PDB file of N, CA and C in Angstrom:
ATOM      1  N   UNK A   1      -0.116 -31.325  11.062  1.00  0.00           N
ATOM      2  CA  UNK A   1       0.460 -30.445  10.065  1.00  0.00           C
ATOM      3  C   UNK A   1      -0.164 -29.050  10.152  1.00  0.00           C
ATOM      4  N   UNK A   2      -1.509 -29.011  10.236  1.00  0.00           N
ATOM      5  CA  UNK A   2      -2.215 -27.737  10.320  1.00  0.00           C
ATOM      6  C   UNK A   2      -1.841 -26.985  11.598  1.00  0.00           C
ATOM      7  N   UNK A   3      -1.728 -27.716  12.706  1.00  0.00           N
ATOM      8  CA  UNK A   3      -1.377 -27.075  13.980  1.00  0.00           C
ATOM      9  C   UNK A   3       0.013 -26.459  13.908  1.00  0.00           C
ATOM     10  N   UNK A   4       0.949 -27.167  13.288  1.00  0.00           N
ATOM     11  CA  UNK A   4       2.315 -26.650  13.166  1.00  0.00           C
ATOM     12  C   UNK A   4       2.314 -25.383  12.314  1.00  0.00           C
ATOM     13  N   UNK A   5       1.557 -25.424  11.218  1.00  0.00           N
ATOM     14  CA  UNK A   5       1.456 -24.254  10.355  1.00  0.00           C
ATOM     15  C   UNK A   5       0.889 -23.061  11.111  1.00  0.00           C
ATOM     16  N   UNK A   6      -0.177 -23.281  11.870  1.00  0.00           N
ATOM     17  CA  UNK A   6      -0.807 -22.197  12.620  1.00  0.00           C
ATOM     18  C   UNK A   6       0.100 -21.693  13.739  1.00  0.00           C
ATOM     19  N   UNK A   7       0.833 -22.590  14.380  1.00  0.00           N
ATOM     20  CA  UNK A   7       1.754 -22.185  15.443  1.00  0.00           C
ATOM     21  C   UNK A   7       2.836 -21.262  14.883  1.00  0.00           C
ATOM     22  N   UNK A   8       3.231 -21.489  13.652  1.00  0.00           N
ATOM     23  CA  UNK A   8       4.255 -20.640  13.013  1.00  0.00           C
ATOM     24  C   UNK A   8       3.624 -19.388  12.394  1.00  0.00           C
ATOM     25  N   UNK A   9       2.492 -19.539  11.729  1.00  0.00           N
ATOM     26  CA  UNK A   9       1.902 -18.445  10.955  1.00  0.00           C
ATOM     27  C   UNK A   9       1.358 -17.317  11.832  1.00  0.00           C
ATOM     28  N   UNK A  10       0.691 -17.659  12.916  1.00  0.00           N
ATOM     29  CA  UNK A  10       0.075 -16.612  13.745  1.00  0.00           C
ATOM     30  C   UNK A  10       1.120 -15.677  14.358  1.00  0.00           C
ATOM     31  N   UNK A  11       2.180 -16.177  14.990  1.00  0.00           N
ATOM     32  CA  UNK A  11       3.183 -15.239  15.514  1.00  0.00           C
ATOM     33  C   UNK A  11       3.862 -14.407  14.419  1.00  0.00           C
ATOM     34  N   UNK A  12       4.122 -15.017  13.271  1.00  0.00           N
ATOM     35  CA  UNK A  12       4.739 -14.272  12.167  1.00  0.00           C
ATOM     36  C   UNK A  12       3.806 -13.145  11.718  1.00  0.00           C
ATOM     37  N   UNK A  13       2.530 -13.440  11.630  1.00  0.00           N
ATOM     38  CA  UNK A  13       1.550 -12.436  11.236  1.00  0.00           C
ATOM     39  C   UNK A  13       1.475 -11.309  12.267  1.00  0.00           C
ATOM     40  N   UNK A  14       1.466 -11.650  13.537  1.00  0.00           N
ATOM     41  CA  UNK A  14       1.429 -10.636  14.592  1.00  0.00           C
ATOM     42  C   UNK A  14       2.682  -9.761  14.573  1.00  0.00           C
ATOM     43  N   UNK A  15       3.826 -10.372  14.358  1.00  0.00           N
ATOM     44  CA  UNK A  15       5.076  -9.605  14.278  1.00  0.00           C
ATOM     45  C   UNK A  15       5.042  -8.670  13.072  1.00  0.00           C
ATOM     46  N   UNK A  16       4.528  -9.151  11.971  1.00  0.00           N
ATOM     47  CA  UNK A  16       4.420  -8.321  10.772  1.00  0.00           C
ATOM     48  C   UNK A  16       3.512  -7.121  10.988  1.00  0.00           C
ATOM     49  N   UNK A  17       2.355  -7.331  11.611  1.00  0.00           N
ATOM     50  CA  UNK A  17       1.441  -6.225  11.885  1.00  0.00           C
ATOM     51  C   UNK A  17       2.070  -5.225  12.856  1.00  0.00           C
ATOM     52  N   UNK A  18       2.781  -5.706  13.860  1.00  0.00           N
ATOM     53  CA  UNK A  18       3.442  -4.819  14.820  1.00  0.00           C
ATOM     54  C   UNK A  18       4.517  -3.989  14.122  1.00  0.00           C
ATOM     55  N   UNK A  19       5.292  -4.623  13.246  1.00  0.00           N
ATOM     56  CA  UNK A  19       6.332  -3.900  12.509  1.00  0.00           C
ATOM     57  C   UNK A  19       5.706  -2.843  11.605  1.00  0.00           C
ATOM     58  N   UNK A  20       4.603  -3.178  10.946  1.00  0.00           N
ATOM     59  CA  UNK A  20       3.920  -2.220  10.085  1.00  0.00           C
ATOM     60  C   UNK A  20       3.394  -1.047  10.904  1.00  0.00           C
ATOM     61  N   UNK A  21       2.804  -1.327  12.064  1.00  0.00           N
ATOM     62  CA  UNK A  21       2.263  -0.267  12.925  1.00  0.00           C
ATOM     63  C   UNK A  21       3.377   0.683  13.369  1.00  0.00           C
ATOM     64  N   UNK A  22       4.517   0.111  13.771  1.00  0.00           N
ATOM     65  CA  UNK A  22       5.639   0.948  14.193  1.00  0.00           C
ATOM     66  C   UNK A  22       6.165   1.797  13.026  1.00  0.00           C
ATOM     67  N   UNK A  23       6.290   1.199  11.861  1.00  0.00           N
ATOM     68  CA  UNK A  23       6.768   1.924  10.685  1.00  0.00           C
ATOM     69  C   UNK A  23       5.802   3.048  10.322  1.00  0.00           C
ATOM     70  N   UNK A  24       4.493   2.766  10.365  1.00  0.00           N
ATOM     71  CA  UNK A  24       3.478   3.769  10.034  1.00  0.00           C
ATOM     72  C   UNK A  24       3.516   4.925  11.034  1.00  0.00           C
ATOM     73  N   UNK A  25       3.688   4.588  12.301  1.00  0.00           N
ATOM     74  CA  UNK A  25       3.773   5.613  13.342  1.00  0.00           C
ATOM     75  C   UNK A  25       5.014   6.493  13.123  1.00  0.00           C
ATOM     76  N   UNK A  26       6.130   5.877  12.774  1.00  0.00           N
ATOM     77  CA  UNK A  26       7.367   6.616  12.504  1.00  0.00           C
ATOM     78  C   UNK A  26       7.184   7.543  11.305  1.00  0.00           C
ATOM     79  N   UNK A  27       6.545   7.076  10.248  1.00  0.00           N
ATOM     80  CA  UNK A  27       6.322   7.890   9.057  1.00  0.00           C
ATOM     81  C   UNK A  27       5.407   9.081   9.369  1.00  0.00           C
ATOM     82  N   UNK A  28       4.385   8.881  10.203  1.00  0.00           N
ATOM     83  CA  UNK A  28       3.506   9.980  10.593  1.00  0.00           C
ATOM     84  C   UNK A  28       4.280  11.055  11.346  1.00  0.00           C
ATOM     85  N   UNK A  29       5.158  10.632  12.243  1.00  0.00           N
ATOM     86  CA  UNK A  29       5.964  11.593  13.008  1.00  0.00           C
ATOM     87  C   UNK A  29       6.889  12.381  12.080  1.00  0.00           C
ATOM     88  N   UNK A  30       7.494  11.705  11.104  1.00  0.00           N
ATOM     89  CA  UNK A  30       8.389  12.391  10.170  1.00  0.00           C
ATOM     90  C   UNK A  30       7.628  13.389   9.302  1.00  0.00           C
ATOM     91  N   UNK A  31       6.409  13.039   8.905  1.00  0.00           N
ATOM     92  CA  UNK A  31       5.609  13.952   8.093  1.00  0.00           C
ATOM     93  C   UNK A  31       5.227  15.197   8.884  1.00  0.00           C
ATOM     94  N   UNK A  32       4.958  15.026  10.170  1.00  0.00           N
ATOM     95  CA  UNK A  32       4.601  16.178  11.001  1.00  0.00           C
ATOM     96  C   UNK A  32       5.792  17.116  11.181  1.00  0.00           C
ATOM     97  N   UNK A  33       7.008  16.585  11.200  1.00  0.00           N
ATOM     98  CA  UNK A  33       8.204  17.397  11.384  1.00  0.00           C
ATOM     99  C   UNK A  33       8.524  18.223  10.142  1.00  0.00           C
ATOM    100  N   UNK A  34       8.213  17.707   8.959  1.00  0.00           N
ATOM    101  CA  UNK A  34       8.567  18.389   7.715  1.00  0.00           C
ATOM    102  C   UNK A  34       7.629  19.572   7.479  1.00  0.00           C
ATOM    103  N   UNK A  35       8.181  20.677   6.982  1.00  0.00           N
ATOM    104  CA  UNK A  35       7.314  21.826   6.678  1.00  0.00           C
ATOM    105  C   UNK A  35       6.379  21.501   5.515  1.00  0.00           C
ATOM    106  N   UNK A  36       5.252  22.177   5.506  1.00  0.00           N
ATOM    107  CA  UNK A  36       4.287  21.951   4.430  1.00  0.00           C
ATOM    108  C   UNK A  36       4.847  22.485   3.125  1.00  0.00           C
ATOM    109  N   UNK A  37       4.770  21.680   2.102  1.00  0.00           N
ATOM    110  CA  UNK A  37       5.261  22.079   0.777  1.00  0.00           C
ATOM    111  C   UNK A  37       4.087  22.581  -0.052  1.00  0.00           C
ATOM    112  N   UNK A  38       4.383  23.540  -0.905  1.00  0.00           N
ATOM    113  CA  UNK A  38       3.367  24.002  -1.839  1.00  0.00           C
ATOM    114  C   UNK A  38       3.120  22.918  -2.871  1.00  0.00           C
ATOM    115  N   UNK A  39       1.901  22.916  -3.410  1.00  0.00           N
ATOM    116  CA  UNK A  39       1.583  21.918  -4.429  1.00  0.00           C
ATOM    117  C   UNK A  39       2.435  22.167  -5.672  1.00  0.00           C
ATOM    118  N   UNK A  40       2.839  21.108  -6.291  1.00  0.00           N
ATOM    119  CA  UNK A  40       3.621  21.250  -7.512  1.00  0.00           C
ATOM    120  C   UNK A  40       2.715  21.740  -8.642  1.00  0.00           C
ATOM    121  N   UNK A  41       3.337  22.290  -9.657  1.00  0.00           N
ATOM    122  CA  UNK A  41       2.571  22.793 -10.798  1.00  0.00           C
ATOM    123  C   UNK A  41       1.828  21.659 -11.497  1.00  0.00           C
ATOM    124  N   UNK A  42       2.468  20.515 -11.552  1.00  0.00           N
ATOM    125  CA  UNK A  42       1.848  19.368 -12.222  1.00  0.00           C
ATOM    126  C   UNK A  42       0.592  18.918 -11.478  1.00  0.00           C
ATOM    127  N   UNK A  43       0.658  18.881 -10.137  1.00  0.00           N
ATOM    128  CA  UNK A  43      -0.496  18.485  -9.341  1.00  0.00           C
ATOM    129  C   UNK A  43      -1.622  19.499  -9.492  1.00  0.00           C
ATOM    130  N   UNK A  44      -1.285  20.775  -9.468  1.00  0.00           N
ATOM    131  CA  UNK A  44      -2.294  21.825  -9.631  1.00  0.00           C
ATOM    132  C   UNK A  44      -2.954  21.714 -11.001  1.00  0.00           C
ATOM    133  N   UNK A  45      -2.156  21.483 -12.043  1.00  0.00           N
ATOM    134  CA  UNK A  45      -2.691  21.348 -13.397  1.00  0.00           C
ATOM    135  C   UNK A  45      -3.626  20.144 -13.488  1.00  0.00           C
ATOM    136  N   UNK A  46      -3.237  19.036 -12.876  1.00  0.00           N
ATOM    137  CA  UNK A  46      -4.064  17.831 -12.907  1.00  0.00           C
ATOM    138  C   UNK A  46      -5.393  18.071 -12.199  1.00  0.00           C
ATOM    139  N   UNK A  47      -5.349  18.749 -11.057  1.00  0.00           N
ATOM    140  CA  UNK A  47      -6.590  19.035 -10.322  1.00  0.00           C
ATOM    141  C   UNK A  47      -7.520  19.919 -11.141  1.00  0.00           C
ATOM    142  N   UNK A  48      -6.962  20.916 -11.829  1.00  0.00           N
ATOM    143  CA  UNK A  48      -7.814  21.787 -12.661  1.00  0.00           C
ATOM    144  C   UNK A  48      -8.401  21.008 -13.832  1.00  0.00           C
ATOM    145  N   UNK A  49      -7.607  20.140 -14.436  1.00  0.00           N
ATOM    146  CA  UNK A  49      -8.118  19.347 -15.561  1.00  0.00           C
ATOM    147  C   UNK A  49      -9.253  18.439 -15.104  1.00  0.00           C
ATOM    148  N   UNK A  50      -9.110  17.842 -13.951  1.00  0.00           N
ATOM    149  CA  UNK A  50     -10.165  16.960 -13.436  1.00  0.00           C
ATOM    150  C   UNK A  50     -11.407  17.767 -13.116  1.00  0.00           C
ATOM    151  N   UNK A  51     -11.225  18.941 -12.545  1.00  0.00           N
ATOM    152  CA  UNK A  51     -12.360  19.807 -12.234  1.00  0.00           C
ATOM    153  C   UNK A  51     -13.098  20.218 -13.502  1.00  0.00           C
ATOM    154  N   UNK A  52     -12.345  20.596 -14.526  1.00  0.00           N
ATOM    155  CA  UNK A  52     -12.950  20.979 -15.807  1.00  0.00           C
ATOM    156  C   UNK A  52     -13.713  19.811 -16.420  1.00  0.00           C
ATOM    157  N   UNK A  53     -13.113  18.638 -16.366  1.00  0.00           N
ATOM    158  CA  UNK A  53     -13.759  17.444 -16.919  1.00  0.00           C
ATOM    159  C   UNK A  53     -15.054  17.145 -16.177  1.00  0.00           C
ATOM    160  N   UNK A  54     -15.039  17.297 -14.841  1.00  0.00           N
ATOM    161  CA  UNK A  54     -16.243  17.028 -14.051  1.00  0.00           C
ATOM    162  C   UNK A  54     -17.349  18.019 -14.396  1.00  0.00           C
ATOM    163  N   UNK A  55     -16.994  19.273 -14.631  1.00  0.00           N
ATOM    164  CA  UNK A  55     -17.997  20.268 -15.017  1.00  0.00           C
ATOM    165  C   UNK A  55     -18.581  19.941 -16.383  1.00  0.00           C
ATOM    166  N   UNK A  56     -17.748  19.504 -17.306  1.00  0.00           N
ATOM    167  CA  UNK A  56     -18.253  19.129 -18.632  1.00  0.00           C
ATOM    168  C   UNK A  56     -19.193  17.932 -18.535  1.00  0.00           C
ATOM    169  N   UNK A  57     -18.847  16.978 -17.694  1.00  0.00           N
ATOM    170  CA  UNK A  57     -19.705  15.797 -17.532  1.00  0.00           C
ATOM    171  C   UNK A  57     -21.035  16.175 -16.881  1.00  0.00           C
ATOM    172  N   UNK A  58     -21.022  17.167 -15.985  1.00  0.00           N
ATOM    173  CA  UNK A  58     -22.267  17.603 -15.338  1.00  0.00           C
ATOM    174  C   UNK A  58     -23.198  18.274 -16.353  1.00  0.00           C
ATOM    175  N   UNK A  59     -22.634  18.957 -17.344  1.00  0.00           N
ATOM    176  CA  UNK A  59     -23.433  19.651 -18.361  1.00  0.00           C
ATOM    177  C   UNK A  59     -23.920  18.704 -19.457  1.00  0.00           C
ATOM    178  N   UNK A  60     -23.340  17.531 -19.535  1.00  0.00           N
ATOM    179  CA  UNK A  60     -23.641  16.596 -20.623  1.00  0.00           C
ATOM    180  C   UNK A  60     -25.078  16.097 -20.539  1.00  0.00           C
ATOM    181  N   UNK A  61     -25.756  16.115 -21.667  1.00  0.00           N
ATOM    182  CA  UNK A  61     -27.107  15.551 -21.753  1.00  0.00           C
ATOM    183  C   UNK A  61     -27.072  14.468 -22.824  1.00  0.00           C
ATOM    184  N   UNK A  62     -27.541  13.306 -22.471  1.00  0.00           N
ATOM    185  CA  UNK A  62     -27.490  12.221 -23.445  1.00  0.00           C
ATOM    186  C   UNK A  62     -28.491  12.475 -24.565  1.00  0.00           C
ATOM    187  N   UNK A  63     -28.165  12.060 -25.759  1.00  0.00           N
ATOM    188  CA  UNK A  63     -29.057  12.303 -26.898  1.00  0.00           C
ATOM    189  C   UNK A  63     -30.343  11.493 -26.754  1.00  0.00           C
ATOM    190  N   UNK A  64     -31.408  12.080 -27.282  1.00  0.00           N
ATOM    191  CA  UNK A  64     -32.694  11.379 -27.226  1.00  0.00           C
ATOM    192  C   UNK A  64     -32.713  10.268 -28.273  1.00  0.00           C
ATOM    193  N   UNK A  65     -33.261   9.157 -27.888  1.00  0.00           N
ATOM    194  CA  UNK A  65     -33.361   8.023 -28.805  1.00  0.00           C
ATOM    195  C   UNK A  65     -34.734   8.072 -29.467  1.00  0.00           C
ATOM    196  N   UNK A  66     -34.731   8.129 -30.795  1.00  0.00           N
ATOM    197  CA  UNK A  66     -35.999   8.173 -31.523  1.00  0.00           C
ATOM    198  C   UNK A  66     -36.479   6.748 -31.740  1.00  0.00           C
ATOM    199  N   UNK A  67     -37.698   6.517 -31.325  1.00  0.00           N
ATOM    200  CA  UNK A  67     -38.269   5.186 -31.517  1.00  0.00           C
ATOM    201  C   UNK A  67     -38.715   5.030 -32.967  1.00  0.00           C
ATOM    202  N   UNK A  68     -38.485   3.869 -33.520  1.00  0.00           N
ATOM    203  CA  UNK A  68     -39.008   3.644 -34.875  1.00  0.00           C
ATOM    204  C   UNK A  68     -40.540   3.593 -34.813  1.00  0.00           C
ATOM    205  N   UNK A  69     -41.205   4.041 -35.845  1.00  0.00           N
ATOM    206  CA  UNK A  69     -42.670   4.018 -35.810  1.00  0.00           C
ATOM    207  C   UNK A  69     -43.198   2.584 -35.700  1.00  0.00           C
ATOM    208  N   UNK A  70     -44.288   2.463 -35.002  1.00  0.00           N
ATOM    209  CA  UNK A  70     -44.901   1.138 -34.843  1.00  0.00           C
ATOM    210  C   UNK A  70     -45.417   0.631 -36.185  1.00  0.00           C
ATOM    211  N   UNK A  71     -45.551  -0.669 -36.271  1.00  0.00           N
ATOM    212  CA  UNK A  71     -46.072  -1.289 -37.497  1.00  0.00           C
ATOM    213  C   UNK A  71     -47.491  -0.786 -37.782  1.00  0.00           C
ATOM    214  N   UNK A  72     -48.283  -0.616 -36.742  1.00  0.00           N
ATOM    215  CA  UNK A  72     -49.669  -0.182 -36.918  1.00  0.00           C
ATOM    216  C   UNK A  72     -49.709   1.212 -37.524  1.00  0.00           C
ATOM    217  N   UNK A  73     -48.840   2.121 -37.051  1.00  0.00           N
ATOM    218  CA  UNK A  73     -48.807   3.476 -37.580  1.00  0.00           C
ATOM    219  C   UNK A  73     -48.322   3.498 -39.032  1.00  0.00           C
ATOM    220  N   UNK A  74     -47.348   2.642 -39.353  1.00  0.00           N
ATOM    221  CA  UNK A  74     -46.840   2.578 -40.722  1.00  0.00           C
ATOM    222  C   UNK A  74     -47.934   2.142 -41.682  1.00  0.00           C
ATOM    223  N   UNK A  75     -48.745   1.164 -41.285  1.00  0.00           N
ATOM    224  CA  UNK A  75     -49.805   0.657 -42.154  1.00  0.00           C
ATOM    225  C   UNK A  75     -50.893   1.723 -42.363  1.00  0.00           C
ATOM    226  N   UNK A  76     -51.189   2.503 -41.349  1.00  0.00           N
ATOM    227  CA  UNK A  76     -52.228   3.532 -41.456  1.00  0.00           C
ATOM    228  C   UNK A  76     -51.761   4.707 -42.323  1.00  0.00           C
ATOM    229  N   UNK A  77     -50.481   4.987 -42.361  1.00  0.00           N
ATOM    230  CA  UNK A  77     -49.958   6.104 -43.141  1.00  0.00           C
ATOM    231  C   UNK A  77     -49.948   5.788 -44.623  1.00  0.00           C
ATOM    232  N   UNK A  78     -49.906   4.542 -44.989  1.00  0.00           N
ATOM    233  CA  UNK A  78     -49.814   4.163 -46.406  1.00  0.00           C
ATOM    234  C   UNK A  78     -51.122   4.210 -47.079  1.00  0.00           C
TER     235      UNK A  78
END
C-alpha cells in the first residue's frame, strides 16, 4: 500500500513543482516587460505611518517601577 502511494505521490509532486517553477518564471518575465509604476498614494501613506510609528517606538521609555519599601525599613521608620 505504501509503495503504491509513493509511486503515485512522488511523480505528482515533481510535476507540481515543475509547473510552479514554469509559472513563476513566466510571471518574472511578465513583470520585467511591464513599465515601473509609481507607488500608489495609499502605499506611500502606509509607509509614512509605519515610519512615524517606528520613530515613536524608538523614543519610548518604559516607566520606572517603584519598589515597595522593605519590611525592615518600614519598621525602622515607625
